[in-house]
Amino acid sequence: MELFIIGIISYLMGSIPFGLILTKIFLKKDIREIGSGNIGATNALRTGNKLIGYSTLILDVLKAVIPVLYTKINFPDAVYISALCAFIGHVFPVWLKFKGGKGVATYVGILFSLNIIFGLVFGICWLIIFFISKYSSLASLIGSLSIPAYILIFEGSENVLFYVIMFILIFFTHRENIKRLKNKEETKTKIY
């Protein structure tokens, strides 16, 4: 029962569509009709309003940090359930007919909550790839692959399965981006 409650609360927190809420309130627009139609931070930047883009990013990170840190402190055995449910909430929110974001900002929140070094590894890897390529999607894919690689190289295989699953999920959410990258049709992102 405890695991079920933790999972549900984490899912509900993860499912709050901040990109949609902020664009509706401040721009009177539906983010699903802008750019890629995605509710996440990268598409929120495409509204042309950097404040909304960065606010979406911060809130999408925090909606994972809050349940995962709370679970880590109070129910450490359930922390991976909480993390996975928060991520699934963002990607498949019940409020939006299960059509959500790609999960990268939420994953960043999960990483920093579980192990600050993993968060830093992802962040550094993301920045390097992004500044070389200008593709947010490519940076996110390589960044999420860097975590299981880092664990296997420097920490042994403990808990690596969770991070492999997370990479597979992020690969799945980026399947359209991967096609566009392959066909050289992916849109470059401006973050400043």
N, C-alpha and C. Protein backbone atom coordinates (compact mmCIF):
# COMPACT_ATOMS: atom_id res chain seq x y z
N MET A 1 0.83 -1.20 0.00
CA MET A 1 0.00 0.00 0.00
C MET A 1 0.88 1.27 0.00
N GLU A 2 1.93 1.22 0.83
CA GLU A 2 2.86 2.35 0.93
C GLU A 2 3.49 2.65 -0.44
N LEU A 3 3.95 1.61 -1.13
CA LEU A 3 4.56 1.77 -2.46
C LEU A 3 3.56 2.35 -3.45
N PHE A 4 2.32 1.89 -3.36
CA PHE A 4 1.26 2.37 -4.26
C PHE A 4 1.03 3.87 -4.06
N ILE A 5 0.94 4.29 -2.80
CA ILE A 5 0.70 5.72 -2.49
C ILE A 5 1.88 6.57 -2.97
N ILE A 6 3.10 6.11 -2.70
CA ILE A 6 4.31 6.83 -3.16
C ILE A 6 4.29 6.95 -4.68
N GLY A 7 3.97 5.85 -5.35
CA GLY A 7 3.92 5.84 -6.81
C GLY A 7 2.88 6.80 -7.36
N ILE A 8 1.69 6.79 -6.77
CA ILE A 8 0.60 7.67 -7.25
C ILE A 8 0.95 9.15 -7.03
N ILE A 9 1.43 9.48 -5.83
CA ILE A 9 1.77 10.89 -5.53
C ILE A 9 2.90 11.36 -6.46
N SER A 10 3.91 10.52 -6.65
CA SER A 10 5.02 10.88 -7.54
C SER A 10 4.53 11.06 -8.98
N TYR A 11 3.65 10.16 -9.42
CA TYR A 11 3.09 10.27 -10.77
C TYR A 11 2.31 11.58 -10.92
N LEU A 12 1.46 11.89 -9.94
CA LEU A 12 0.63 13.10 -10.02
C LEU A 12 1.47 14.38 -10.03
N MET A 13 2.53 14.38 -9.21
CA MET A 13 3.43 15.55 -9.22
C MET A 13 4.15 15.66 -10.57
N GLY A 14 4.63 14.54 -11.07
CA GLY A 14 5.32 14.53 -12.36
C GLY A 14 4.42 14.93 -13.52
N SER A 15 3.11 14.73 -13.35
CA SER A 15 2.17 14.96 -14.45
C SER A 15 1.69 16.40 -14.58
N ILE A 16 2.13 17.29 -13.67
CA ILE A 16 1.71 18.70 -13.76
C ILE A 16 2.34 19.32 -15.02
N PRO A 17 1.52 19.75 -16.00
CA PRO A 17 2.07 20.25 -17.27
C PRO A 17 2.43 21.74 -17.21
N PHE A 18 3.56 22.05 -16.59
CA PHE A 18 3.93 23.45 -16.36
C PHE A 18 4.07 24.25 -17.66
N GLY A 19 4.62 23.64 -18.71
CA GLY A 19 4.75 24.34 -19.99
C GLY A 19 3.40 24.80 -20.52
N LEU A 20 2.42 23.92 -20.42
CA LEU A 20 1.06 24.26 -20.87
C LEU A 20 0.44 25.34 -19.98
N ILE A 21 0.57 25.18 -18.68
CA ILE A 21 -0.02 26.13 -17.73
C ILE A 21 0.56 27.53 -17.92
N LEU A 22 1.89 27.62 -18.00
CA LEU A 22 2.55 28.94 -18.12
C LEU A 22 2.22 29.64 -19.43
N THR A 23 2.20 28.89 -20.54
CA THR A 23 1.89 29.54 -21.82
C THR A 23 0.42 29.98 -21.87
N LYS A 24 -0.46 29.19 -21.25
CA LYS A 24 -1.89 29.57 -21.20
C LYS A 24 -2.07 30.85 -20.38
N ILE A 25 -1.43 30.92 -19.21
CA ILE A 25 -1.60 32.06 -18.30
C ILE A 25 -0.97 33.33 -18.88
N PHE A 26 0.29 33.23 -19.32
CA PHE A 26 1.04 34.44 -19.68
C PHE A 26 0.99 34.82 -21.16
N LEU A 27 0.80 33.83 -22.04
CA LEU A 27 0.77 34.13 -23.47
C LEU A 27 -0.61 33.93 -24.08
N LYS A 28 -1.53 33.37 -23.29
CA LYS A 28 -2.89 33.05 -23.78
C LYS A 28 -2.82 32.16 -25.02
N LYS A 29 -1.82 31.27 -25.04
CA LYS A 29 -1.64 30.34 -26.15
C LYS A 29 -1.59 28.91 -25.62
N ASP A 30 -1.81 27.97 -26.52
CA ASP A 30 -1.69 26.55 -26.19
C ASP A 30 -0.34 26.07 -26.73
N ILE A 31 0.55 25.66 -25.84
CA ILE A 31 1.90 25.24 -26.26
C ILE A 31 1.85 24.07 -27.23
N ARG A 32 0.75 23.30 -27.19
CA ARG A 32 0.62 22.15 -28.08
C ARG A 32 0.40 22.57 -29.54
N GLU A 33 0.18 23.87 -29.74
CA GLU A 33 0.00 24.40 -31.11
C GLU A 33 1.21 25.23 -31.55
N ILE A 34 2.31 25.13 -30.77
CA ILE A 34 3.53 25.89 -31.06
C ILE A 34 4.67 24.90 -31.31
N GLY A 35 5.53 25.22 -32.27
CA GLY A 35 6.73 24.40 -32.51
C GLY A 35 6.43 22.94 -32.72
N SER A 36 7.03 22.09 -31.87
CA SER A 36 6.85 20.64 -31.98
C SER A 36 5.54 20.16 -31.38
N GLY A 37 4.84 21.06 -30.64
CA GLY A 37 3.59 20.67 -29.98
C GLY A 37 3.82 20.01 -28.64
N ASN A 38 5.10 19.92 -28.25
CA ASN A 38 5.44 19.28 -26.98
C ASN A 38 5.24 20.25 -25.81
N ILE A 39 4.96 19.72 -24.62
CA ILE A 39 4.69 20.59 -23.46
C ILE A 39 5.95 20.91 -22.64
N GLY A 40 7.10 20.39 -23.06
CA GLY A 40 8.32 20.54 -22.26
C GLY A 40 9.06 21.86 -22.46
N ALA A 41 10.19 21.97 -21.76
CA ALA A 41 10.96 23.22 -21.71
C ALA A 41 11.53 23.63 -23.07
N THR A 42 12.02 22.67 -23.86
CA THR A 42 12.61 23.02 -25.16
C THR A 42 11.57 23.69 -26.04
N ASN A 43 10.37 23.13 -26.07
CA ASN A 43 9.32 23.74 -26.88
C ASN A 43 8.81 25.04 -26.26
N ALA A 44 8.83 25.13 -24.93
CA ALA A 44 8.44 26.39 -24.27
C ALA A 44 9.39 27.51 -24.69
N LEU A 45 10.66 27.20 -24.94
CA LEU A 45 11.61 28.21 -25.44
C LEU A 45 11.22 28.69 -26.84
N ARG A 46 10.56 27.80 -27.60
CA ARG A 46 10.15 28.16 -28.97
C ARG A 46 9.01 29.16 -29.00
N THR A 47 8.40 29.43 -27.85
CA THR A 47 7.35 30.46 -27.80
C THR A 47 7.96 31.84 -28.03
N GLY A 48 9.29 31.92 -27.89
CA GLY A 48 9.96 33.21 -28.02
C GLY A 48 10.09 33.92 -26.70
N ASN A 49 9.49 33.36 -25.66
CA ASN A 49 9.55 33.96 -24.33
C ASN A 49 10.51 33.13 -23.47
N LYS A 50 11.74 33.64 -23.31
CA LYS A 50 12.77 32.90 -22.57
C LYS A 50 12.38 32.66 -21.11
N LEU A 51 11.68 33.64 -20.50
CA LEU A 51 11.27 33.49 -19.10
C LEU A 51 10.34 32.28 -18.93
N ILE A 52 9.40 32.13 -19.86
CA ILE A 52 8.49 30.97 -19.81
C ILE A 52 9.27 29.68 -20.06
N GLY A 53 10.21 29.72 -21.00
CA GLY A 53 11.03 28.55 -21.29
C GLY A 53 11.84 28.09 -20.09
N TYR A 54 12.53 29.03 -19.46
CA TYR A 54 13.37 28.66 -18.30
C TYR A 54 12.54 28.35 -17.07
N SER A 55 11.40 29.01 -16.91
CA SER A 55 10.51 28.70 -15.78
C SER A 55 9.96 27.28 -15.92
N THR A 56 9.61 26.90 -17.14
CA THR A 56 9.14 25.53 -17.41
C THR A 56 10.24 24.54 -17.06
N LEU A 57 11.47 24.84 -17.47
CA LEU A 57 12.60 23.96 -17.18
C LEU A 57 12.76 23.77 -15.67
N ILE A 58 12.79 24.86 -14.92
CA ILE A 58 12.99 24.78 -13.46
C ILE A 58 11.85 24.01 -12.79
N LEU A 59 10.62 24.31 -13.18
CA LEU A 59 9.46 23.64 -12.56
C LEU A 59 9.41 22.15 -12.94
N ASP A 60 9.80 21.82 -14.18
CA ASP A 60 9.82 20.40 -14.58
C ASP A 60 10.92 19.63 -13.85
N VAL A 61 12.00 20.31 -13.49
CA VAL A 61 13.05 19.68 -12.67
C VAL A 61 12.51 19.49 -11.24
N LEU A 62 11.91 20.54 -10.70
CA LEU A 62 11.44 20.50 -9.30
C LEU A 62 10.33 19.49 -9.07
N LYS A 63 9.49 19.25 -10.07
CA LYS A 63 8.38 18.31 -9.87
C LYS A 63 8.88 16.87 -9.72
N ALA A 64 10.14 16.63 -10.06
CA ALA A 64 10.76 15.34 -9.77
C ALA A 64 11.55 15.41 -8.47
N VAL A 65 12.23 16.54 -8.24
CA VAL A 65 13.06 16.68 -7.04
C VAL A 65 12.23 16.51 -5.77
N ILE A 66 11.06 17.14 -5.72
CA ILE A 66 10.25 17.13 -4.49
C ILE A 66 9.83 15.72 -4.09
N PRO A 67 9.15 14.94 -4.97
CA PRO A 67 8.76 13.59 -4.52
C PRO A 67 9.94 12.64 -4.33
N VAL A 68 10.96 12.75 -5.20
CA VAL A 68 12.08 11.81 -5.11
C VAL A 68 12.91 12.06 -3.85
N LEU A 69 13.19 13.33 -3.54
CA LEU A 69 13.94 13.63 -2.30
C LEU A 69 13.15 13.24 -1.07
N TYR A 70 11.85 13.53 -1.08
CA TYR A 70 11.00 13.16 0.06
C TYR A 70 11.03 11.64 0.28
N THR A 71 10.91 10.89 -0.82
CA THR A 71 10.93 9.43 -0.74
C THR A 71 12.30 8.92 -0.30
N LYS A 72 13.34 9.53 -0.84
CA LYS A 72 14.72 9.13 -0.49
C LYS A 72 14.98 9.26 1.01
N ILE A 73 14.46 10.34 1.60
CA ILE A 73 14.66 10.60 3.04
C ILE A 73 13.78 9.70 3.90
N ASN A 74 12.51 9.54 3.51
CA ASN A 74 11.55 8.85 4.36
C ASN A 74 11.30 7.38 4.02
N PHE A 75 11.43 7.02 2.75
CA PHE A 75 11.19 5.64 2.31
C PHE A 75 12.26 5.24 1.31
N PRO A 76 13.53 5.15 1.75
CA PRO A 76 14.64 4.95 0.80
C PRO A 76 14.49 3.73 -0.11
N ASP A 77 13.82 2.68 0.38
CA ASP A 77 13.66 1.48 -0.45
C ASP A 77 12.74 1.72 -1.66
N ALA A 78 11.95 2.79 -1.61
CA ALA A 78 10.97 3.06 -2.67
C ALA A 78 11.43 4.18 -3.61
N VAL A 79 12.68 4.62 -3.47
CA VAL A 79 13.11 5.82 -4.21
C VAL A 79 13.08 5.63 -5.73
N TYR A 80 13.41 4.43 -6.21
CA TYR A 80 13.41 4.22 -7.66
C TYR A 80 11.98 4.14 -8.21
N ILE A 81 11.05 3.65 -7.39
CA ILE A 81 9.62 3.64 -7.77
C ILE A 81 9.14 5.09 -7.91
N SER A 82 9.48 5.92 -6.94
CA SER A 82 9.10 7.34 -6.96
C SER A 82 9.67 8.02 -8.20
N ALA A 83 10.94 7.78 -8.47
CA ALA A 83 11.62 8.41 -9.61
C ALA A 83 10.96 8.00 -10.93
N LEU A 84 10.73 6.72 -11.09
CA LEU A 84 10.13 6.22 -12.32
C LEU A 84 8.71 6.76 -12.51
N CYS A 85 7.94 6.81 -11.43
CA CYS A 85 6.55 7.30 -11.51
C CYS A 85 6.49 8.79 -11.82
N ALA A 86 7.41 9.58 -11.26
CA ALA A 86 7.46 11.02 -11.58
C ALA A 86 7.77 11.21 -13.05
N PHE A 87 8.70 10.43 -13.57
CA PHE A 87 9.07 10.52 -14.99
C PHE A 87 7.89 10.13 -15.87
N ILE A 88 7.25 9.01 -15.55
CA ILE A 88 6.11 8.53 -16.33
C ILE A 88 4.96 9.55 -16.29
N GLY A 89 4.80 10.21 -15.13
CA GLY A 89 3.78 11.25 -15.01
C GLY A 89 4.01 12.38 -16.00
N HIS A 90 5.27 12.78 -16.17
CA HIS A 90 5.59 13.86 -17.12
C HIS A 90 5.35 13.42 -18.56
N VAL A 91 5.76 12.21 -18.88
CA VAL A 91 5.67 11.72 -20.26
C VAL A 91 4.22 11.34 -20.63
N PHE A 92 3.50 10.77 -19.66
CA PHE A 92 2.12 10.31 -19.90
C PHE A 92 1.16 10.90 -18.86
N PRO A 93 0.92 12.23 -18.91
CA PRO A 93 0.06 12.84 -17.89
C PRO A 93 -1.42 12.52 -18.13
N VAL A 94 -2.09 12.11 -17.09
CA VAL A 94 -3.50 11.73 -17.17
C VAL A 94 -4.37 12.90 -17.66
N TRP A 95 -3.96 14.14 -17.32
CA TRP A 95 -4.76 15.32 -17.66
C TRP A 95 -4.75 15.65 -19.15
N LEU A 96 -3.75 15.16 -19.87
CA LEU A 96 -3.59 15.53 -21.29
C LEU A 96 -3.69 14.31 -22.20
N LYS A 97 -4.58 13.39 -21.83
CA LYS A 97 -4.79 12.15 -22.59
C LYS A 97 -3.48 11.39 -22.78
N PHE A 98 -2.62 11.44 -21.75
CA PHE A 98 -1.35 10.72 -21.71
C PHE A 98 -0.36 11.18 -22.79
N LYS A 99 -0.50 12.44 -23.24
CA LYS A 99 0.45 13.00 -24.20
C LYS A 99 1.22 14.13 -23.51
N GLY A 100 2.41 13.82 -23.05
CA GLY A 100 3.19 14.80 -22.28
C GLY A 100 4.48 15.18 -22.95
N GLY A 101 5.49 15.48 -22.12
CA GLY A 101 6.79 15.93 -22.61
C GLY A 101 7.73 14.76 -22.85
N LYS A 102 8.97 15.11 -23.15
CA LYS A 102 9.97 14.08 -23.46
C LYS A 102 10.66 13.56 -22.19
N GLY A 103 10.53 14.30 -21.09
CA GLY A 103 11.01 13.79 -19.80
C GLY A 103 12.41 14.17 -19.40
N VAL A 104 13.11 14.97 -20.20
CA VAL A 104 14.53 15.24 -19.92
C VAL A 104 14.71 16.11 -18.67
N ALA A 105 13.97 17.21 -18.56
CA ALA A 105 14.10 18.08 -17.38
C ALA A 105 13.71 17.31 -16.11
N THR A 106 12.67 16.50 -16.22
CA THR A 106 12.24 15.70 -15.07
C THR A 106 13.32 14.68 -14.71
N TYR A 107 13.97 14.11 -15.72
CA TYR A 107 15.07 13.17 -15.48
C TYR A 107 16.25 13.87 -14.80
N VAL A 108 16.52 15.11 -15.18
CA VAL A 108 17.59 15.88 -14.53
C VAL A 108 17.27 16.04 -13.04
N GLY A 109 16.01 16.34 -12.73
CA GLY A 109 15.60 16.43 -11.32
C GLY A 109 15.80 15.12 -10.58
N ILE A 110 15.48 14.02 -11.24
CA ILE A 110 15.67 12.68 -10.67
C ILE A 110 17.15 12.45 -10.40
N LEU A 111 18.00 12.75 -11.37
CA LEU A 111 19.44 12.50 -11.23
C LEU A 111 20.03 13.28 -10.06
N PHE A 112 19.72 14.58 -9.98
CA PHE A 112 20.26 15.39 -8.88
C PHE A 112 19.74 14.91 -7.52
N SER A 113 18.53 14.39 -7.50
CA SER A 113 17.95 13.90 -6.24
C SER A 113 18.59 12.58 -5.80
N LEU A 114 18.89 11.72 -6.77
CA LEU A 114 19.45 10.41 -6.44
C LEU A 114 20.95 10.49 -6.16
N ASN A 115 21.67 11.26 -6.98
CA ASN A 115 23.12 11.34 -6.84
C ASN A 115 23.59 12.60 -7.59
N ILE A 116 24.02 13.58 -6.84
CA ILE A 116 24.38 14.87 -7.44
C ILE A 116 25.47 14.73 -8.51
N ILE A 117 26.34 13.74 -8.37
CA ILE A 117 27.39 13.51 -9.37
C ILE A 117 26.77 13.10 -10.70
N PHE A 118 25.72 12.26 -10.65
CA PHE A 118 25.05 11.85 -11.89
C PHE A 118 24.42 13.07 -12.58
N GLY A 119 23.84 13.94 -11.78
CA GLY A 119 23.25 15.17 -12.32
C GLY A 119 24.31 16.02 -13.02
N LEU A 120 25.47 16.13 -12.39
CA LEU A 120 26.57 16.93 -12.97
C LEU A 120 27.12 16.27 -14.24
N VAL A 121 27.26 14.94 -14.23
CA VAL A 121 27.74 14.22 -15.41
C VAL A 121 26.79 14.46 -16.58
N PHE A 122 25.50 14.33 -16.31
CA PHE A 122 24.50 14.57 -17.36
C PHE A 122 24.60 16.01 -17.87
N GLY A 123 24.63 16.96 -16.93
CA GLY A 123 24.66 18.38 -17.29
C GLY A 123 25.86 18.76 -18.13
N ILE A 124 27.04 18.28 -17.73
CA ILE A 124 28.28 18.58 -18.46
C ILE A 124 28.22 17.96 -19.86
N CYS A 125 27.80 16.70 -19.92
CA CYS A 125 27.69 16.00 -21.20
C CYS A 125 26.69 16.71 -22.11
N TRP A 126 25.53 17.09 -21.55
CA TRP A 126 24.50 17.78 -22.33
C TRP A 126 25.06 19.09 -22.91
N LEU A 127 25.73 19.88 -22.07
CA LEU A 127 26.26 21.17 -22.51
C LEU A 127 27.30 21.01 -23.62
N ILE A 128 28.20 20.04 -23.46
CA ILE A 128 29.24 19.82 -24.48
C ILE A 128 28.61 19.47 -25.83
N ILE A 129 27.69 18.48 -25.81
CA ILE A 129 27.06 18.04 -27.06
C ILE A 129 26.21 19.16 -27.64
N PHE A 130 25.49 19.89 -26.78
CA PHE A 130 24.63 20.96 -27.28
C PHE A 130 25.45 22.08 -27.93
N PHE A 131 26.54 22.49 -27.29
CA PHE A 131 27.32 23.59 -27.85
C PHE A 131 28.06 23.19 -29.12
N ILE A 132 28.31 21.88 -29.28
CA ILE A 132 28.93 21.41 -30.53
C ILE A 132 27.87 21.33 -31.64
N SER A 133 26.68 20.78 -31.30
CA SER A 133 25.68 20.47 -32.34
C SER A 133 24.51 21.44 -32.44
N LYS A 134 24.18 22.12 -31.33
CA LYS A 134 22.98 22.99 -31.20
C LYS A 134 21.67 22.19 -31.22
N TYR A 135 21.77 20.85 -31.09
CA TYR A 135 20.57 20.01 -31.03
C TYR A 135 20.30 19.59 -29.58
N SER A 136 19.20 20.08 -29.02
CA SER A 136 18.82 19.72 -27.66
C SER A 136 18.53 18.22 -27.56
N SER A 137 17.89 17.67 -28.59
CA SER A 137 17.53 16.25 -28.59
C SER A 137 18.77 15.35 -28.55
N LEU A 138 19.75 15.66 -29.38
CA LEU A 138 20.98 14.87 -29.42
C LEU A 138 21.72 14.96 -28.09
N ALA A 139 21.78 16.16 -27.53
CA ALA A 139 22.42 16.36 -26.23
C ALA A 139 21.72 15.54 -25.14
N SER A 140 20.39 15.50 -25.20
CA SER A 140 19.61 14.76 -24.21
C SER A 140 19.83 13.25 -24.33
N LEU A 141 19.87 12.76 -25.56
CA LEU A 141 20.09 11.33 -25.79
C LEU A 141 21.48 10.90 -25.31
N ILE A 142 22.50 11.65 -25.69
CA ILE A 142 23.87 11.29 -25.29
C ILE A 142 24.04 11.50 -23.78
N GLY A 143 23.45 12.57 -23.26
CA GLY A 143 23.51 12.82 -21.81
C GLY A 143 22.90 11.68 -21.02
N SER A 144 21.75 11.17 -21.47
CA SER A 144 21.10 10.08 -20.73
C SER A 144 21.86 8.76 -20.88
N LEU A 145 22.54 8.58 -22.01
CA LEU A 145 23.39 7.39 -22.19
C LEU A 145 24.66 7.49 -21.33
N SER A 146 25.10 8.71 -21.07
CA SER A 146 26.34 8.89 -20.30
C SER A 146 26.21 8.38 -18.85
N ILE A 147 24.99 8.34 -18.32
CA ILE A 147 24.83 7.93 -16.91
C ILE A 147 25.10 6.43 -16.73
N PRO A 148 24.43 5.52 -17.46
CA PRO A 148 24.80 4.11 -17.28
C PRO A 148 26.26 3.85 -17.66
N ALA A 149 26.78 4.58 -18.66
CA ALA A 149 28.19 4.41 -19.04
C ALA A 149 29.10 4.81 -17.89
N TYR A 150 28.81 5.95 -17.26
CA TYR A 150 29.60 6.44 -16.13
C TYR A 150 29.56 5.42 -14.97
N ILE A 151 28.35 4.90 -14.67
CA ILE A 151 28.21 3.94 -13.56
C ILE A 151 29.02 2.69 -13.84
N LEU A 152 28.93 2.16 -15.05
CA LEU A 152 29.67 0.93 -15.38
C LEU A 152 31.18 1.14 -15.33
N ILE A 153 31.64 2.31 -15.75
CA ILE A 153 33.09 2.58 -15.78
C ILE A 153 33.63 2.88 -14.39
N PHE A 154 32.91 3.69 -13.62
CA PHE A 154 33.47 4.20 -12.36
C PHE A 154 32.88 3.60 -11.08
N GLU A 155 31.71 2.97 -11.17
CA GLU A 155 31.06 2.53 -9.93
C GLU A 155 30.64 1.08 -9.92
N GLY A 156 30.99 0.31 -10.93
CA GLY A 156 30.49 -1.06 -11.00
C GLY A 156 29.07 -1.05 -11.53
N SER A 157 28.36 -2.16 -11.38
CA SER A 157 27.05 -2.28 -12.03
C SER A 157 25.86 -2.06 -11.09
N GLU A 158 26.11 -1.66 -9.85
CA GLU A 158 25.01 -1.50 -8.90
C GLU A 158 24.02 -0.42 -9.37
N ASN A 159 22.75 -0.80 -9.41
CA ASN A 159 21.65 0.09 -9.80
C ASN A 159 21.72 0.57 -11.26
N VAL A 160 22.60 -0.01 -12.06
CA VAL A 160 22.73 0.46 -13.45
C VAL A 160 21.45 0.18 -14.24
N LEU A 161 20.73 -0.87 -13.88
CA LEU A 161 19.52 -1.25 -14.62
C LEU A 161 18.50 -0.11 -14.67
N PHE A 162 18.31 0.59 -13.54
CA PHE A 162 17.37 1.71 -13.51
C PHE A 162 17.76 2.76 -14.55
N TYR A 163 19.04 3.09 -14.65
CA TYR A 163 19.51 4.14 -15.56
C TYR A 163 19.48 3.68 -17.01
N VAL A 164 19.64 2.37 -17.24
CA VAL A 164 19.47 1.81 -18.58
C VAL A 164 18.00 1.94 -19.01
N ILE A 165 17.09 1.61 -18.09
CA ILE A 165 15.65 1.74 -18.36
C ILE A 165 15.31 3.20 -18.68
N MET A 166 15.88 4.13 -17.91
CA MET A 166 15.62 5.56 -18.14
C MET A 166 16.13 5.99 -19.52
N PHE A 167 17.30 5.49 -19.91
CA PHE A 167 17.83 5.81 -21.24
C PHE A 167 16.89 5.28 -22.32
N ILE A 168 16.40 4.04 -22.15
CA ILE A 168 15.49 3.44 -23.13
C ILE A 168 14.21 4.28 -23.24
N LEU A 169 13.69 4.74 -22.10
CA LEU A 169 12.47 5.58 -22.10
C LEU A 169 12.73 6.91 -22.82
N ILE A 170 13.88 7.53 -22.56
CA ILE A 170 14.21 8.80 -23.22
C ILE A 170 14.44 8.58 -24.72
N PHE A 171 15.05 7.46 -25.07
CA PHE A 171 15.22 7.10 -26.48
C PHE A 171 13.84 6.98 -27.13
N PHE A 172 12.89 6.34 -26.43
CA PHE A 172 11.52 6.17 -26.93
C PHE A 172 10.84 7.53 -27.12
N THR A 173 10.96 8.42 -26.14
CA THR A 173 10.29 9.72 -26.24
C THR A 173 10.91 10.60 -27.34
N HIS A 174 12.13 10.29 -27.73
CA HIS A 174 12.83 11.07 -28.76
C HIS A 174 12.84 10.37 -30.13
N ARG A 175 11.98 9.38 -30.32
CA ARG A 175 12.03 8.61 -31.57
C ARG A 175 11.81 9.49 -32.81
N GLU A 176 10.90 10.48 -32.73
CA GLU A 176 10.68 11.38 -33.87
C GLU A 176 11.90 12.28 -34.10
N ASN A 177 12.52 12.72 -32.98
CA ASN A 177 13.74 13.54 -33.10
C ASN A 177 14.86 12.74 -33.76
N ILE A 178 14.95 11.46 -33.40
CA ILE A 178 16.00 10.61 -33.97
C ILE A 178 15.83 10.50 -35.49
N LYS A 179 14.56 10.33 -35.92
CA LYS A 179 14.28 10.28 -37.38
C LYS A 179 14.71 11.59 -38.04
N ARG A 180 14.35 12.73 -37.40
CA ARG A 180 14.71 14.03 -37.98
C ARG A 180 16.22 14.25 -37.98
N LEU A 181 16.90 13.80 -36.92
CA LEU A 181 18.36 13.92 -36.87
C LEU A 181 18.99 13.11 -38.02
N LYS A 182 18.46 11.90 -38.21
CA LYS A 182 18.95 11.01 -39.25
C LYS A 182 18.78 11.64 -40.64
N ASN A 183 17.63 12.31 -40.83
CA ASN A 183 17.32 12.93 -42.13
C ASN A 183 17.82 14.38 -42.24
N LYS A 184 18.57 14.82 -41.22
CA LYS A 184 19.09 16.20 -41.16
C LYS A 184 17.97 17.25 -41.23
N GLU A 185 16.85 16.94 -40.55
CA GLU A 185 15.69 17.84 -40.53
C GLU A 185 15.39 18.37 -39.13
N GLU A 186 16.21 18.00 -38.14
CA GLU A 186 15.96 18.41 -36.76
C GLU A 186 16.19 19.93 -36.60
N THR A 187 15.34 20.56 -35.79
CA THR A 187 15.45 22.00 -35.54
C THR A 187 16.51 22.25 -34.48
N LYS A 188 17.39 23.21 -34.75
CA LYS A 188 18.38 23.61 -33.75
C LYS A 188 17.69 24.48 -32.70
N THR A 189 18.21 24.45 -31.48
CA THR A 189 17.58 25.16 -30.36
C THR A 189 18.45 26.32 -29.92
N LYS A 190 17.79 27.45 -29.66
CA LYS A 190 18.50 28.62 -29.10
C LYS A 190 18.16 28.68 -27.62
N ILE A 191 19.18 28.63 -26.76
CA ILE A 191 18.90 28.65 -25.32
C ILE A 191 19.28 29.99 -24.67
N TYR A 192 19.79 30.92 -25.47
CA TYR A 192 20.16 32.22 -24.91
C TYR A 192 19.83 33.33 -25.87
